[in-house]
Amino acid sequence: MTKAIIFDFDYTLVDSSRGVILCVNHALDKLGLPNASDDEIKKTIGFTLPEIVVYLAGNEHGDKADDFVRHFINKADEVMTPMARMFESVPTVMRNLRDDGYLLGIVSTKFRYRIQEILQRESLLDCFDIIVGGEDVTVHKPDPEGLRKVMSDLSLNRDELIFVGDSEVDAKAAGNARVRFVAVLTGVTPSLAFDQHESIAILNDLSQLPGALRDLLGAVRNPFLTAE
């Protein structure tokens, strides 16, 4: 029986790209490094901050990661929450899922306090039973630690949870945690990229999730349950 729906945050529930672009280039400026294009920065959404500076500036600048993180966070504290845009369907979908009795949660590399700020602004914080942010784990997605923490804290088995995300990192995290995965195409990852992963559904956006759950639950078993 499925008891919980767990979501990635950026590009799954919220478009934070404007704020991320501003903060990344602010941090690069502070380090004396060239600005990155909007498209290149968008590809890094969901990465950890040290991974972003290495991806955009190269391994030779990996030693600047701590300073990059500091400059990014300083700017993000000013602009990230007001610049984040909740996807239009999210409030209705979250409240409908709550009304249907699902536990809801978030597993993200974004700081938990930032997620809470954005959800509070949208009057959605009370919809979520658990939020696992980047500061709550020692290893980030695609490592399954965040999803395993959700299962432990909510006393769930892996067949009682579905993870919803927009990226291959999310799909790999679900695979590593051996839980079912639903992909949404509201990020920068194309549908074809999910073909190599165990996705029980690929949705254009979250407005399709309630219908997909009604169609799937009871008809789809967790593919890992027979692997033991």
Protein backbone atom coordinates (compact mmCIF):
# COMPACT_ATOMS: atom_id res chain seq x y z
CA MET A 1 0.00 0.00 0.00
CA THR A 2 1.37 3.41 -0.95
CA LYS A 3 1.33 5.75 2.04
CA ALA A 4 3.69 8.58 1.05
CA ILE A 5 4.56 10.69 -1.98
CA ILE A 6 8.00 12.30 -1.71
CA PHE A 7 9.13 15.09 -4.03
CA ASP A 8 12.31 16.66 -5.24
CA PHE A 9 12.05 20.46 -4.94
CA ASP A 10 13.77 22.49 -7.68
CA TYR A 11 12.15 22.01 -11.10
CA THR A 12 9.66 19.57 -9.52
CA LEU A 13 7.65 21.86 -7.24
CA VAL A 14 9.36 25.20 -7.88
CA ASP A 15 11.26 27.01 -10.61
CA SER A 16 14.19 28.62 -8.77
CA SER A 17 16.25 29.16 -11.91
CA ARG A 18 16.20 32.97 -11.91
CA GLY A 19 17.57 33.11 -8.39
CA VAL A 20 20.09 30.35 -8.99
CA ILE A 21 21.45 32.07 -12.11
CA LEU A 22 21.83 35.35 -10.25
CA CYS A 23 23.52 33.74 -7.25
CA VAL A 24 25.88 31.55 -9.28
CA ASN A 25 27.15 34.44 -11.37
CA HIS A 26 27.43 36.63 -8.27
CA ALA A 27 29.65 33.99 -6.66
CA LEU A 28 31.70 33.54 -9.83
CA ASP A 29 32.19 37.32 -10.02
CA LYS A 30 33.42 37.38 -6.43
CA LEU A 31 35.97 34.70 -7.29
CA GLY A 32 37.14 36.54 -10.40
CA LEU A 33 35.81 33.80 -12.68
CA PRO A 34 33.84 34.29 -15.92
CA ASN A 35 30.07 34.30 -15.76
CA ALA A 36 28.26 31.20 -17.00
CA SER A 37 25.37 31.15 -19.45
CA ASP A 38 21.82 30.75 -18.23
CA ASP A 39 21.50 27.39 -19.97
CA GLU A 40 24.69 26.01 -18.42
CA ILE A 41 23.61 27.12 -14.95
CA LYS A 42 20.16 25.58 -15.38
CA LYS A 43 21.83 22.22 -16.02
CA THR A 44 23.37 22.40 -12.53
CA ILE A 45 20.12 22.92 -10.62
CA GLY A 46 19.95 20.03 -8.19
CA PHE A 47 23.76 19.79 -7.90
CA THR A 48 25.48 20.58 -4.62
CA LEU A 49 27.16 23.99 -4.56
CA PRO A 50 30.71 22.56 -4.70
CA GLU A 51 29.65 20.47 -7.70
CA ILE A 52 28.34 23.59 -9.44
CA VAL A 53 31.63 25.50 -9.30
CA VAL A 54 33.57 22.47 -10.57
CA TYR A 55 31.06 21.87 -13.39
CA LEU A 56 31.08 25.51 -14.52
CA ALA A 57 34.69 26.54 -13.85
CA GLY A 58 36.57 23.24 -14.05
CA ASN A 59 38.34 20.93 -11.62
CA GLU A 60 41.23 23.37 -11.36
CA HIS A 61 38.95 25.71 -9.40
CA GLY A 62 37.66 23.06 -7.02
CA ASP A 63 39.77 24.57 -4.25
CA LYS A 64 37.54 27.67 -4.44
CA ALA A 65 34.43 25.69 -3.50
CA ASP A 66 34.20 26.97 0.08
CA ASP A 67 34.38 30.60 -1.05
CA PHE A 68 31.89 29.91 -3.84
CA VAL A 69 29.45 28.43 -1.33
CA ARG A 70 29.82 31.41 1.00
CA HIS A 71 29.23 34.00 -1.73
CA PHE A 72 26.32 32.01 -3.19
CA ILE A 73 24.56 31.68 0.17
CA ASN A 74 25.05 35.35 1.03
CA LYS A 75 23.31 36.38 -2.18
CA ALA A 76 20.71 33.62 -1.96
CA ASP A 77 19.64 34.82 1.47
CA GLU A 78 18.66 38.10 -0.23
CA VAL A 79 17.01 36.92 -3.44
CA MET A 80 16.26 33.19 -3.63
CA THR A 81 12.94 33.05 -1.81
CA PRO A 82 11.34 36.10 -3.47
CA MET A 83 12.53 34.99 -6.93
CA ALA A 84 11.33 31.38 -6.65
CA ARG A 85 8.17 30.59 -8.63
CA MET A 86 5.89 27.77 -7.53
CA PHE A 87 4.54 25.78 -10.47
CA GLU A 88 0.88 26.65 -10.95
CA SER A 89 -0.58 23.21 -10.30
CA VAL A 90 1.38 22.52 -7.11
CA PRO A 91 -0.90 24.03 -4.42
CA THR A 92 -4.00 22.22 -5.66
CA VAL A 93 -2.17 18.92 -6.19
CA MET A 94 -0.56 18.99 -2.74
CA ARG A 95 -3.83 19.73 -0.97
CA ASN A 96 -5.65 17.06 -2.96
CA LEU A 97 -3.00 14.48 -2.08
CA ARG A 98 -3.29 15.43 1.58
CA ASP A 99 -7.05 15.11 1.39
CA ASP A 100 -6.56 11.64 -0.11
CA GLY A 101 -4.59 10.68 3.00
CA TYR A 102 -1.04 10.59 1.64
CA LEU A 103 1.96 11.59 3.72
CA LEU A 104 3.99 14.17 1.77
CA GLY A 105 7.68 14.96 1.92
CA ILE A 106 10.61 16.58 0.14
CA VAL A 107 14.17 15.36 -0.44
CA SER A 108 16.40 18.03 -1.98
CA THR A 109 19.95 19.33 -2.09
CA LYS A 110 18.51 22.78 -1.33
CA PHE A 111 18.84 23.97 2.26
CA ARG A 112 15.84 22.95 4.34
CA TYR A 113 15.35 26.46 5.73
CA ARG A 114 15.12 27.84 2.19
CA ILE A 115 12.53 25.24 1.21
CA GLN A 116 10.55 26.08 4.34
CA GLU A 117 10.67 29.81 3.53
CA ILE A 118 9.27 29.25 0.05
CA LEU A 119 6.57 26.86 1.25
CA GLN A 120 5.61 29.25 4.04
CA ARG A 121 5.27 32.07 1.51
CA GLU A 122 2.89 29.87 -0.50
CA SER A 123 0.97 28.73 2.63
CA LEU A 124 1.96 25.14 1.86
CA LEU A 125 4.36 24.32 4.68
CA ASP A 126 1.68 22.50 6.67
CA CYS A 127 1.10 20.10 3.75
CA PHE A 128 4.44 18.36 4.31
CA ASP A 129 5.23 15.79 6.97
CA ILE A 130 8.99 15.80 6.40
CA ILE A 131 11.56 17.93 4.58
CA VAL A 132 15.09 16.59 4.09
CA GLY A 133 17.40 19.35 2.89
CA GLY A 134 21.02 19.36 1.88
CA GLU A 135 22.17 19.99 5.45
CA ASP A 136 20.31 16.93 6.74
CA VAL A 137 22.41 14.28 4.98
CA THR A 138 26.10 13.46 4.73
CA VAL A 139 25.86 12.28 1.10
CA HIS A 140 23.56 13.84 -1.49
CA LYS A 141 21.46 12.35 -4.29
CA PRO A 142 21.87 10.04 -6.15
CA ASP A 143 22.93 8.45 -2.87
CA PRO A 144 19.76 7.09 -1.19
CA GLU A 145 20.50 8.56 2.26
CA GLY A 146 17.80 11.24 2.00
CA LEU A 147 15.10 8.79 0.94
CA ARG A 148 16.19 6.31 3.58
CA LYS A 149 15.92 9.04 6.20
CA VAL A 150 12.33 9.66 5.09
CA MET A 151 11.53 5.98 5.39
CA SER A 152 13.12 5.79 8.84
CA ASP A 153 11.53 8.96 10.22
CA LEU A 154 8.06 8.12 8.87
CA SER A 155 8.34 4.38 9.63
CA LEU A 156 7.78 3.41 6.00
CA ASN A 157 8.85 0.42 3.97
CA ARG A 158 10.20 1.04 0.49
CA ASP A 159 7.02 -0.29 -1.15
CA GLU A 160 4.98 2.34 0.73
CA LEU A 161 6.72 5.31 -0.92
CA ILE A 162 6.86 6.92 -4.36
CA PHE A 163 9.53 9.49 -5.24
CA VAL A 164 8.72 12.21 -7.80
CA GLY A 165 11.50 14.17 -9.51
CA ASP A 166 12.62 15.89 -12.69
CA SER A 167 16.18 14.65 -13.21
CA GLU A 168 18.26 11.56 -13.78
CA VAL A 169 19.86 12.21 -10.39
CA ASP A 170 16.40 11.83 -8.86
CA ALA A 171 15.75 8.65 -10.84
CA LYS A 172 19.08 7.19 -9.74
CA ALA A 173 18.37 8.11 -6.11
CA ALA A 174 15.06 6.25 -6.31
CA GLY A 175 16.80 3.26 -7.87
CA ASN A 176 19.48 3.25 -5.20
CA ALA A 177 16.81 3.42 -2.49
CA ARG A 178 14.82 0.73 -4.35
CA VAL A 179 11.62 2.78 -4.39
CA ARG A 180 9.24 3.56 -7.24
CA PHE A 181 9.90 6.69 -9.29
CA VAL A 182 7.67 9.09 -11.21
CA ALA A 183 9.40 11.53 -13.58
CA VAL A 184 8.08 15.01 -14.38
CA LEU A 185 9.27 17.00 -17.40
CA THR A 186 9.26 20.44 -15.79
CA GLY A 187 13.05 20.60 -15.62
CA VAL A 188 15.75 20.38 -18.28
CA THR A 189 15.82 16.58 -18.60
CA PRO A 190 14.05 15.20 -21.70
CA SER A 191 11.66 12.27 -21.57
CA LEU A 192 14.04 9.95 -23.42
CA ALA A 193 16.59 10.27 -20.63
CA PHE A 194 14.23 8.47 -18.26
CA ASP A 195 13.87 5.43 -20.51
CA GLN A 196 16.96 3.83 -18.98
CA HIS A 197 15.57 4.17 -15.46
CA GLU A 198 12.77 2.39 -13.60
CA SER A 199 10.01 5.01 -13.96
CA ILE A 200 6.43 3.94 -13.33
CA ALA A 201 5.20 7.11 -15.09
CA ILE A 202 6.58 10.10 -17.00
CA LEU A 203 4.38 13.18 -16.65
CA ASN A 204 4.44 16.53 -18.41
CA ASP A 205 3.81 18.28 -15.08
CA LEU A 206 2.44 17.62 -11.61
CA SER A 207 -1.14 18.37 -12.62
CA GLN A 208 -1.15 14.85 -14.09
CA LEU A 209 0.03 13.18 -10.87
CA PRO A 210 -3.30 12.53 -9.10
CA GLY A 211 -4.74 10.85 -12.20
CA ALA A 212 -1.57 8.83 -12.71
CA LEU A 213 -1.67 7.63 -9.11
CA ARG A 214 -5.28 6.54 -9.49
CA ASP A 215 -4.40 4.63 -12.65
CA LEU A 216 -1.22 3.06 -11.29
CA LEU A 217 -1.73 2.19 -7.67
CA GLY A 218 -2.92 -1.32 -7.24
CA ALA A 219 -1.79 -2.17 -10.76
CA VAL A 220 1.96 -1.55 -10.42
CA ARG A 221 4.19 -3.39 -7.98
CA ASN A 222 7.53 -2.08 -6.85
CA PRO A 223 9.92 -3.84 -9.29
CA PHE A 224 12.46 -4.38 -6.51
CA LEU A 225 10.15 -6.36 -4.23
CA THR A 226 10.95 -9.61 -6.03
CA ALA A 227 14.71 -8.96 -6.04
CA GLU A 228 15.39 -10.22 -2.53
